[in-house]
Every structure is written in C-alpha cells, then in structure tokens.
N, C-alpha and C. Protein backbone atom coordinates (compact mmCIF):
# COMPACT_ATOMS: atom_id res chain seq x y z
N MET A 1 0.80 -1.21 0.00
CA MET A 1 0.00 0.00 0.00
C MET A 1 0.84 1.27 0.00
N PRO A 2 1.96 1.30 -0.66
CA PRO A 2 2.75 2.53 -0.66
C PRO A 2 2.00 3.70 -1.28
N GLU A 3 1.11 3.44 -2.26
CA GLU A 3 0.39 4.53 -2.88
C GLU A 3 -0.50 5.23 -1.86
N LYS A 4 -1.21 4.47 -1.02
CA LYS A 4 -2.08 5.05 0.01
C LYS A 4 -1.24 5.86 0.99
N ARG A 5 -0.07 5.35 1.37
CA ARG A 5 0.81 6.06 2.29
C ARG A 5 1.27 7.39 1.67
N GLU A 6 1.56 7.37 0.39
CA GLU A 6 1.97 8.60 -0.30
C GLU A 6 0.83 9.62 -0.33
N GLN A 7 -0.39 9.13 -0.52
CA GLN A 7 -1.56 10.01 -0.51
C GLN A 7 -1.73 10.66 0.87
N ILE A 8 -1.60 9.85 1.90
CA ILE A 8 -1.73 10.36 3.27
C ILE A 8 -0.62 11.36 3.57
N ASP A 9 0.61 11.05 3.18
CA ASP A 9 1.73 11.96 3.41
C ASP A 9 1.51 13.30 2.69
N ALA A 10 1.02 13.25 1.45
CA ALA A 10 0.75 14.48 0.70
C ALA A 10 -0.34 15.30 1.39
N PHE A 11 -1.38 14.63 1.87
CA PHE A 11 -2.44 15.32 2.60
C PHE A 11 -1.86 15.97 3.85
N LEU A 12 -1.06 15.23 4.61
CA LEU A 12 -0.48 15.77 5.84
C LEU A 12 0.48 16.93 5.56
N ASN A 13 1.14 16.92 4.41
CA ASN A 13 1.97 18.06 4.03
C ASN A 13 1.11 19.31 3.83
N SER A 14 -0.07 19.16 3.23
CA SER A 14 -0.96 20.31 3.05
C SER A 14 -1.48 20.79 4.40
N VAL A 15 -1.71 19.86 5.31
CA VAL A 15 -2.12 20.20 6.68
C VAL A 15 -1.04 21.06 7.34
N SER A 16 0.20 20.61 7.24
CA SER A 16 1.32 21.35 7.85
C SER A 16 1.47 22.74 7.25
N GLU A 17 1.31 22.85 5.94
CA GLU A 17 1.41 24.15 5.28
C GLU A 17 0.36 25.11 5.81
N ALA A 18 -0.88 24.64 5.93
CA ALA A 18 -1.96 25.49 6.45
C ALA A 18 -1.68 25.89 7.90
N ALA A 19 -1.24 24.94 8.71
CA ALA A 19 -0.95 25.22 10.12
C ALA A 19 0.16 26.26 10.25
N GLU A 20 1.18 26.17 9.41
CA GLU A 20 2.28 27.14 9.44
C GLU A 20 1.78 28.54 9.09
N GLN A 21 0.91 28.62 8.10
CA GLN A 21 0.37 29.93 7.70
C GLN A 21 -0.49 30.54 8.80
N ILE A 22 -1.31 29.71 9.43
CA ILE A 22 -2.16 30.19 10.53
C ILE A 22 -1.27 30.67 11.67
N SER A 23 -0.32 29.87 12.04
CA SER A 23 0.58 30.20 13.15
C SER A 23 1.32 31.51 12.89
N LYS A 24 1.81 31.68 11.68
CA LYS A 24 2.54 32.90 11.31
C LYS A 24 1.64 34.13 11.45
N GLN A 25 0.42 34.04 10.97
CA GLN A 25 -0.50 35.17 11.06
C GLN A 25 -0.83 35.50 12.52
N VAL A 26 -1.09 34.47 13.31
CA VAL A 26 -1.44 34.68 14.71
C VAL A 26 -0.26 35.27 15.48
N LYS A 27 0.93 34.74 15.26
CA LYS A 27 2.12 35.28 15.93
C LYS A 27 2.39 36.72 15.54
N GLY A 28 1.99 37.10 14.34
CA GLY A 28 2.13 38.48 13.88
C GLY A 28 1.05 39.41 14.43
N GLY A 29 0.14 38.86 15.23
CA GLY A 29 -0.93 39.66 15.81
C GLY A 29 -2.07 39.96 14.87
N ASN A 30 -2.12 39.26 13.76
CA ASN A 30 -3.16 39.52 12.76
C ASN A 30 -4.46 38.79 13.10
N PRO A 31 -5.59 39.47 12.95
CA PRO A 31 -6.88 38.81 13.19
C PRO A 31 -7.20 37.80 12.08
N VAL A 32 -8.00 36.84 12.42
CA VAL A 32 -8.39 35.77 11.50
C VAL A 32 -9.91 35.80 11.35
N HIS A 33 -10.37 35.62 10.13
CA HIS A 33 -11.81 35.53 9.86
C HIS A 33 -12.12 34.09 9.48
N VAL A 34 -12.99 33.43 10.25
CA VAL A 34 -13.37 32.04 9.99
C VAL A 34 -14.83 32.00 9.56
N THR A 35 -15.10 31.30 8.46
CA THR A 35 -16.47 31.06 8.01
C THR A 35 -16.65 29.56 7.86
N SER A 36 -17.73 29.05 8.43
CA SER A 36 -17.97 27.61 8.39
C SER A 36 -19.40 27.32 7.94
N HIS A 37 -19.61 26.08 7.58
CA HIS A 37 -20.91 25.61 7.10
C HIS A 37 -21.85 25.36 8.27
N PHE A 38 -23.13 25.64 8.04
CA PHE A 38 -24.16 25.49 9.07
C PHE A 38 -24.80 24.10 9.00
N ASP A 39 -24.02 23.10 9.33
CA ASP A 39 -24.52 21.75 9.52
C ASP A 39 -23.67 21.14 10.63
N ALA A 40 -23.97 19.91 11.02
CA ALA A 40 -23.25 19.31 12.14
C ALA A 40 -21.75 19.25 11.88
N ASP A 41 -21.36 18.88 10.69
CA ASP A 41 -19.94 18.79 10.34
C ASP A 41 -19.29 20.17 10.37
N GLY A 42 -19.95 21.16 9.80
CA GLY A 42 -19.41 22.52 9.78
C GLY A 42 -19.32 23.13 11.17
N LEU A 43 -20.33 22.89 12.00
CA LEU A 43 -20.28 23.41 13.36
C LEU A 43 -19.15 22.76 14.16
N ALA A 44 -18.96 21.46 13.96
CA ALA A 44 -17.85 20.78 14.63
C ALA A 44 -16.51 21.32 14.14
N ALA A 45 -16.39 21.52 12.82
CA ALA A 45 -15.15 22.07 12.25
C ALA A 45 -14.88 23.47 12.81
N ALA A 46 -15.92 24.30 12.88
CA ALA A 46 -15.77 25.66 13.42
C ALA A 46 -15.33 25.61 14.88
N GLY A 47 -15.92 24.71 15.65
CA GLY A 47 -15.54 24.57 17.06
C GLY A 47 -14.10 24.14 17.22
N ILE A 48 -13.66 23.23 16.39
CA ILE A 48 -12.28 22.74 16.47
C ILE A 48 -11.30 23.85 16.12
N ILE A 49 -11.54 24.55 15.02
CA ILE A 49 -10.63 25.64 14.62
C ILE A 49 -10.72 26.79 15.62
N GLY A 50 -11.92 27.09 16.09
CA GLY A 50 -12.08 28.15 17.09
C GLY A 50 -11.30 27.84 18.36
N LYS A 51 -11.38 26.61 18.83
CA LYS A 51 -10.65 26.23 20.04
C LYS A 51 -9.14 26.31 19.82
N ALA A 52 -8.69 25.89 18.64
CA ALA A 52 -7.26 25.96 18.32
C ALA A 52 -6.80 27.42 18.32
N LEU A 53 -7.62 28.31 17.74
CA LEU A 53 -7.26 29.73 17.70
C LEU A 53 -7.24 30.34 19.10
N VAL A 54 -8.19 29.96 19.94
CA VAL A 54 -8.21 30.44 21.33
C VAL A 54 -6.93 30.01 22.04
N ARG A 55 -6.55 28.76 21.86
CA ARG A 55 -5.33 28.25 22.50
C ARG A 55 -4.08 28.96 22.01
N LEU A 56 -4.12 29.47 20.78
CA LEU A 56 -2.99 30.22 20.25
C LEU A 56 -3.02 31.69 20.68
N GLY A 57 -4.12 32.10 21.30
CA GLY A 57 -4.26 33.49 21.71
C GLY A 57 -4.63 34.41 20.55
N ALA A 58 -5.25 33.85 19.53
CA ALA A 58 -5.59 34.61 18.33
C ALA A 58 -6.80 35.50 18.55
N THR A 59 -6.84 36.58 17.79
CA THR A 59 -8.04 37.41 17.67
C THR A 59 -8.74 36.91 16.42
N PHE A 60 -10.01 36.53 16.55
CA PHE A 60 -10.70 36.00 15.37
C PHE A 60 -12.19 36.27 15.43
N ARG A 61 -12.78 36.24 14.26
CA ARG A 61 -14.23 36.33 14.09
C ARG A 61 -14.67 35.02 13.46
N LEU A 62 -15.74 34.45 13.97
CA LEU A 62 -16.26 33.20 13.42
C LEU A 62 -17.71 33.41 13.01
N ARG A 63 -18.00 33.06 11.77
CA ARG A 63 -19.37 33.14 11.30
C ARG A 63 -19.76 31.80 10.68
N VAL A 64 -21.03 31.47 10.81
CA VAL A 64 -21.56 30.21 10.29
C VAL A 64 -22.63 30.55 9.27
N GLU A 65 -22.56 29.90 8.11
CA GLU A 65 -23.47 30.19 7.01
C GLU A 65 -24.04 28.90 6.43
N LYS A 66 -25.27 28.98 5.89
CA LYS A 66 -25.88 27.84 5.21
C LYS A 66 -25.17 27.56 3.90
N TRP A 67 -24.65 28.60 3.25
CA TRP A 67 -23.90 28.51 2.01
C TRP A 67 -23.12 29.81 1.88
N ILE A 68 -22.30 29.89 0.86
CA ILE A 68 -21.67 31.18 0.58
C ILE A 68 -22.12 31.64 -0.79
N ASP A 69 -22.34 32.92 -0.89
CA ASP A 69 -22.76 33.53 -2.15
C ASP A 69 -22.03 34.86 -2.31
N GLU A 70 -22.36 35.58 -3.37
CA GLU A 70 -21.70 36.84 -3.69
C GLU A 70 -21.78 37.83 -2.53
N LYS A 71 -22.93 37.92 -1.89
CA LYS A 71 -23.12 38.87 -0.78
C LYS A 71 -22.21 38.52 0.40
N ILE A 72 -22.19 37.26 0.80
CA ILE A 72 -21.40 36.84 1.95
C ILE A 72 -19.91 37.02 1.66
N VAL A 73 -19.47 36.60 0.49
CA VAL A 73 -18.06 36.75 0.13
C VAL A 73 -17.70 38.23 0.03
N GLY A 74 -18.63 39.04 -0.46
CA GLY A 74 -18.41 40.48 -0.52
C GLY A 74 -18.21 41.10 0.86
N GLU A 75 -19.00 40.65 1.83
CA GLU A 75 -18.86 41.13 3.21
C GLU A 75 -17.49 40.74 3.79
N ILE A 76 -17.08 39.52 3.52
CA ILE A 76 -15.77 39.07 4.00
C ILE A 76 -14.66 39.90 3.34
N ALA A 77 -14.77 40.08 2.04
CA ALA A 77 -13.75 40.85 1.31
C ALA A 77 -13.69 42.29 1.81
N ALA A 78 -14.83 42.88 2.12
CA ALA A 78 -14.87 44.28 2.58
C ALA A 78 -14.14 44.45 3.90
N ASP A 79 -14.14 43.43 4.74
CA ASP A 79 -13.43 43.49 6.02
C ASP A 79 -11.91 43.47 5.83
N LYS A 80 -11.46 42.93 4.71
CA LYS A 80 -10.03 42.79 4.38
C LYS A 80 -9.23 42.14 5.52
N PRO A 81 -9.69 40.99 6.01
CA PRO A 81 -8.92 40.34 7.07
C PRO A 81 -7.59 39.82 6.52
N PRO A 82 -6.53 39.85 7.33
CA PRO A 82 -5.24 39.35 6.88
C PRO A 82 -5.26 37.85 6.57
N LEU A 83 -6.17 37.11 7.22
CA LEU A 83 -6.30 35.68 6.97
C LEU A 83 -7.76 35.28 7.04
N ILE A 84 -8.19 34.53 6.02
CA ILE A 84 -9.55 34.00 5.96
C ILE A 84 -9.43 32.48 6.00
N ILE A 85 -10.25 31.84 6.83
CA ILE A 85 -10.29 30.38 6.87
C ILE A 85 -11.74 29.95 6.62
N PHE A 86 -11.93 29.06 5.67
CA PHE A 86 -13.23 28.43 5.44
C PHE A 86 -13.14 27.00 5.94
N THR A 87 -14.13 26.57 6.74
CA THR A 87 -14.16 25.18 7.19
C THR A 87 -15.44 24.52 6.72
N ASP A 88 -15.30 23.33 6.22
CA ASP A 88 -16.40 22.50 5.70
C ASP A 88 -17.13 23.18 4.54
N LEU A 89 -16.51 24.13 3.92
CA LEU A 89 -17.02 24.71 2.67
C LEU A 89 -15.90 25.49 2.02
N GLY A 90 -16.09 25.82 0.78
CA GLY A 90 -15.09 26.59 0.05
C GLY A 90 -14.62 25.91 -1.22
N SER A 91 -14.38 24.61 -1.15
CA SER A 91 -13.86 23.90 -2.32
C SER A 91 -14.84 23.90 -3.49
N GLY A 92 -16.11 23.95 -3.20
CA GLY A 92 -17.12 23.97 -4.26
C GLY A 92 -17.43 25.36 -4.78
N TYR A 93 -16.79 26.38 -4.21
CA TYR A 93 -17.06 27.77 -4.57
C TYR A 93 -15.80 28.48 -5.04
N LEU A 94 -14.85 27.76 -5.59
CA LEU A 94 -13.55 28.35 -5.93
C LEU A 94 -13.67 29.50 -6.92
N ASP A 95 -14.56 29.41 -7.91
CA ASP A 95 -14.71 30.50 -8.88
C ASP A 95 -15.18 31.78 -8.19
N LEU A 96 -16.16 31.66 -7.31
CA LEU A 96 -16.66 32.82 -6.57
C LEU A 96 -15.58 33.38 -5.65
N LEU A 97 -14.89 32.50 -4.93
CA LEU A 97 -13.83 32.96 -4.02
C LEU A 97 -12.69 33.61 -4.79
N ASN A 98 -12.33 33.03 -5.92
CA ASN A 98 -11.27 33.62 -6.76
C ASN A 98 -11.65 35.02 -7.22
N ALA A 99 -12.90 35.20 -7.59
CA ALA A 99 -13.34 36.49 -8.11
C ALA A 99 -13.28 37.59 -7.06
N ARG A 100 -13.57 37.26 -5.82
CA ARG A 100 -13.66 38.29 -4.77
C ARG A 100 -12.48 38.31 -3.80
N LEU A 101 -11.80 37.18 -3.64
CA LEU A 101 -10.74 37.09 -2.62
C LEU A 101 -9.38 36.75 -3.20
N HIS A 102 -9.21 36.90 -4.51
CA HIS A 102 -8.00 36.44 -5.20
C HIS A 102 -6.72 37.03 -4.63
N ASP A 103 -6.80 38.19 -3.99
CA ASP A 103 -5.58 38.81 -3.46
C ASP A 103 -5.50 38.72 -1.93
N GLN A 104 -6.35 37.91 -1.32
CA GLN A 104 -6.35 37.78 0.13
C GLN A 104 -5.91 36.37 0.54
N ARG A 105 -5.10 36.30 1.59
CA ARG A 105 -4.62 35.02 2.10
C ARG A 105 -5.83 34.24 2.61
N THR A 106 -6.09 33.10 1.99
CA THR A 106 -7.26 32.29 2.30
C THR A 106 -6.86 30.83 2.46
N ILE A 107 -7.38 30.21 3.51
CA ILE A 107 -7.16 28.79 3.75
C ILE A 107 -8.52 28.10 3.71
N ILE A 108 -8.60 27.06 2.90
CA ILE A 108 -9.84 26.29 2.76
C ILE A 108 -9.60 24.91 3.37
N LEU A 109 -10.36 24.59 4.41
CA LEU A 109 -10.29 23.28 5.07
C LEU A 109 -11.60 22.57 4.77
N ASP A 110 -11.60 21.71 3.77
CA ASP A 110 -12.85 21.15 3.27
C ASP A 110 -12.65 19.71 2.85
N HIS A 111 -13.76 19.00 2.74
CA HIS A 111 -13.73 17.61 2.28
C HIS A 111 -14.64 17.40 1.08
N HIS A 112 -15.29 18.45 0.62
CA HIS A 112 -16.15 18.35 -0.56
C HIS A 112 -15.31 18.38 -1.83
N GLU A 113 -15.86 17.82 -2.88
CA GLU A 113 -15.17 17.77 -4.17
C GLU A 113 -14.84 19.19 -4.65
N PRO A 114 -13.57 19.48 -4.92
CA PRO A 114 -13.21 20.81 -5.42
C PRO A 114 -13.75 21.04 -6.83
N ILE A 115 -14.24 22.27 -7.06
CA ILE A 115 -14.72 22.66 -8.37
C ILE A 115 -13.95 23.92 -8.76
N GLY A 116 -13.10 23.81 -9.76
CA GLY A 116 -12.28 24.94 -10.19
C GLY A 116 -10.89 24.86 -9.60
N LYS A 117 -10.12 25.89 -9.88
CA LYS A 117 -8.74 25.98 -9.39
C LYS A 117 -8.65 27.14 -8.42
N PRO A 118 -7.92 26.96 -7.31
CA PRO A 118 -7.79 28.04 -6.33
C PRO A 118 -6.80 29.12 -6.79
N SER A 119 -7.00 30.32 -6.30
CA SER A 119 -6.08 31.43 -6.52
C SER A 119 -4.72 31.08 -5.90
N LYS A 120 -3.68 31.75 -6.34
CA LYS A 120 -2.34 31.52 -5.80
C LYS A 120 -2.23 31.92 -4.34
N THR A 121 -3.14 32.76 -3.84
CA THR A 121 -3.11 33.16 -2.44
C THR A 121 -3.90 32.21 -1.54
N PHE A 122 -4.44 31.16 -2.14
CA PHE A 122 -5.24 30.19 -1.39
C PHE A 122 -4.40 28.96 -1.04
N THR A 123 -4.63 28.43 0.14
CA THR A 123 -4.12 27.12 0.53
C THR A 123 -5.33 26.25 0.77
N GLN A 124 -5.41 25.15 0.07
CA GLN A 124 -6.57 24.27 0.17
C GLN A 124 -6.13 22.94 0.77
N VAL A 125 -6.74 22.59 1.90
CA VAL A 125 -6.50 21.29 2.52
C VAL A 125 -7.76 20.47 2.27
N ASN A 126 -7.64 19.50 1.39
CA ASN A 126 -8.80 18.72 0.98
C ASN A 126 -8.31 17.32 0.60
N PRO A 127 -8.87 16.28 1.19
CA PRO A 127 -8.41 14.92 0.88
C PRO A 127 -8.54 14.56 -0.60
N HIS A 128 -9.55 15.11 -1.28
CA HIS A 128 -9.75 14.81 -2.70
C HIS A 128 -8.53 15.17 -3.54
N LEU A 129 -7.80 16.20 -3.14
CA LEU A 129 -6.62 16.65 -3.89
C LEU A 129 -5.48 15.65 -3.83
N HIS A 130 -5.60 14.67 -2.94
CA HIS A 130 -4.53 13.69 -2.74
C HIS A 130 -5.01 12.26 -2.96
N GLY A 131 -6.13 12.12 -3.67
CA GLY A 131 -6.63 10.79 -4.00
C GLY A 131 -7.36 10.09 -2.86
N ILE A 132 -7.74 10.85 -1.84
CA ILE A 132 -8.48 10.31 -0.70
C ILE A 132 -9.93 10.75 -0.84
N ASP A 133 -10.86 9.85 -0.65
CA ASP A 133 -12.28 10.15 -0.84
C ASP A 133 -12.83 10.94 0.34
N GLY A 134 -13.03 12.24 0.13
CA GLY A 134 -13.54 13.10 1.18
C GLY A 134 -15.00 12.89 1.50
N SER A 135 -15.72 12.19 0.66
CA SER A 135 -17.13 11.91 0.96
C SER A 135 -17.27 10.67 1.84
N ARG A 136 -16.22 9.87 1.92
CA ARG A 136 -16.29 8.64 2.69
C ARG A 136 -15.22 8.54 3.77
N ASP A 137 -14.02 9.02 3.50
CA ASP A 137 -12.88 8.77 4.37
C ASP A 137 -12.58 9.85 5.40
N LEU A 138 -13.07 11.08 5.16
CA LEU A 138 -12.73 12.17 6.08
C LEU A 138 -13.78 13.27 5.99
N SER A 139 -14.23 13.76 7.13
CA SER A 139 -15.21 14.84 7.19
C SER A 139 -14.53 16.20 7.21
N GLY A 140 -15.32 17.25 7.10
CA GLY A 140 -14.78 18.60 7.23
C GLY A 140 -14.20 18.82 8.62
N ALA A 141 -14.88 18.31 9.64
CA ALA A 141 -14.36 18.41 11.01
C ALA A 141 -13.06 17.63 11.15
N GLY A 142 -12.95 16.53 10.43
CA GLY A 142 -11.70 15.76 10.45
C GLY A 142 -10.55 16.54 9.86
N VAL A 143 -10.81 17.24 8.76
CA VAL A 143 -9.78 18.08 8.14
C VAL A 143 -9.37 19.18 9.13
N ALA A 144 -10.36 19.83 9.75
CA ALA A 144 -10.07 20.88 10.73
C ALA A 144 -9.26 20.32 11.90
N TYR A 145 -9.59 19.13 12.34
CA TYR A 145 -8.88 18.51 13.46
C TYR A 145 -7.40 18.27 13.12
N PHE A 146 -7.14 17.79 11.92
CA PHE A 146 -5.74 17.56 11.52
C PHE A 146 -4.96 18.88 11.57
N VAL A 147 -5.56 19.96 11.10
CA VAL A 147 -4.88 21.26 11.12
C VAL A 147 -4.71 21.74 12.56
N ALA A 148 -5.75 21.58 13.38
CA ALA A 148 -5.65 21.98 14.79
C ALA A 148 -4.55 21.20 15.51
N ARG A 149 -4.45 19.92 15.23
CA ARG A 149 -3.38 19.11 15.84
C ARG A 149 -2.00 19.56 15.38
N ALA A 150 -1.89 19.96 14.13
CA ALA A 150 -0.61 20.46 13.63
C ALA A 150 -0.26 21.79 14.30
N LEU A 151 -1.26 22.57 14.68
CA LEU A 151 -1.02 23.83 15.38
C LEU A 151 -0.63 23.61 16.82
N ASN A 152 -1.20 22.59 17.44
CA ASN A 152 -0.97 22.34 18.85
C ASN A 152 -1.15 20.85 19.12
N GLU A 153 -0.06 20.16 19.37
CA GLU A 153 -0.11 18.71 19.58
C GLU A 153 -1.01 18.32 20.76
N LYS A 154 -1.28 19.25 21.68
CA LYS A 154 -2.13 18.94 22.82
C LYS A 154 -3.60 19.24 22.56
N MET A 155 -3.91 19.57 21.32
CA MET A 155 -5.28 19.92 20.95
C MET A 155 -6.26 18.87 21.40
N LEU A 156 -7.28 19.33 22.11
CA LEU A 156 -8.39 18.49 22.58
C LEU A 156 -7.98 17.40 23.56
N ILE A 157 -6.85 17.58 24.21
CA ILE A 157 -6.44 16.60 25.24
C ILE A 157 -6.72 17.19 26.59
C-alpha cells in the first residue's frame, strides 16, 4: 500500500502548510476571519478551529453560514482580514472565491469535491486533492482537526 501512504503523506503536508500559515498570522498579531458551514460537520469544524485559535491566543471572528454567495463573500472581502479560513465549505465555490478574494490570504479546510482551481493566495486542505475520498474517508471536522493538531499537539487533550 505505498500509494495510500503517499496520498496520506501528501495530505499531511498540506495540513502542515496550512498550520504554518495560521501560526505565522497569529504570531504576527493579525486577526483571523473564519467562516464555516451550518450543519453538524461545519459546526464541529468551526468549534475545532475556534478552540485551536483560542489556545494560540488569536483574535478571530467566526461566522456560520448555510452557504456562501456573492453577498457573503463580498462582506468578507470588505473586512479585508489578513487571513480567511473556510471550514467545511469553500472547495465547491472556488470560482466565486477567486473572483472576490483572489488577493487575500485564504485557507480552505474542506472535504467536498473541489470545483475549479484556487487562486495563488489560497491554501486548500482537501483529501480529494490527494486521492483520498472526502465523501467517505474524512469529514470537514476531520480536516479541521488535523490542522488543529498540527497547530498544537495537545489539541483536545
């Protein structure tokens, strides 16, 4: 099963990259804007990332949405946060996010099938990008948990 191990390693590398970016922003005193999906998975993902940010001493805003559309993305863009994190959503809205947030540092922690290509300022942590089935093998909260653990090994202990 070396292929599966390579897929997992590639996924974990994307996790580490996202955690490093979050840590850098927080250490720089920059506020973080988190938007998550309004379902059980999204609420769990938001709670996990929120707790990780609290433990880091971050200043952050967390909002929960049923979906994202032009209005919601416009509101986020207008705030011009130094870092935007989407949990349990984002991968299916890459065209919309690219159009409005293309020049803003954005991290997408999602398990839904990606549609489109992310902007160069985006970091996307998604099992589908590494040959892992995000509809069966890992939830949005699971993706958030991996990033939270990379930020703080004592996460949720």
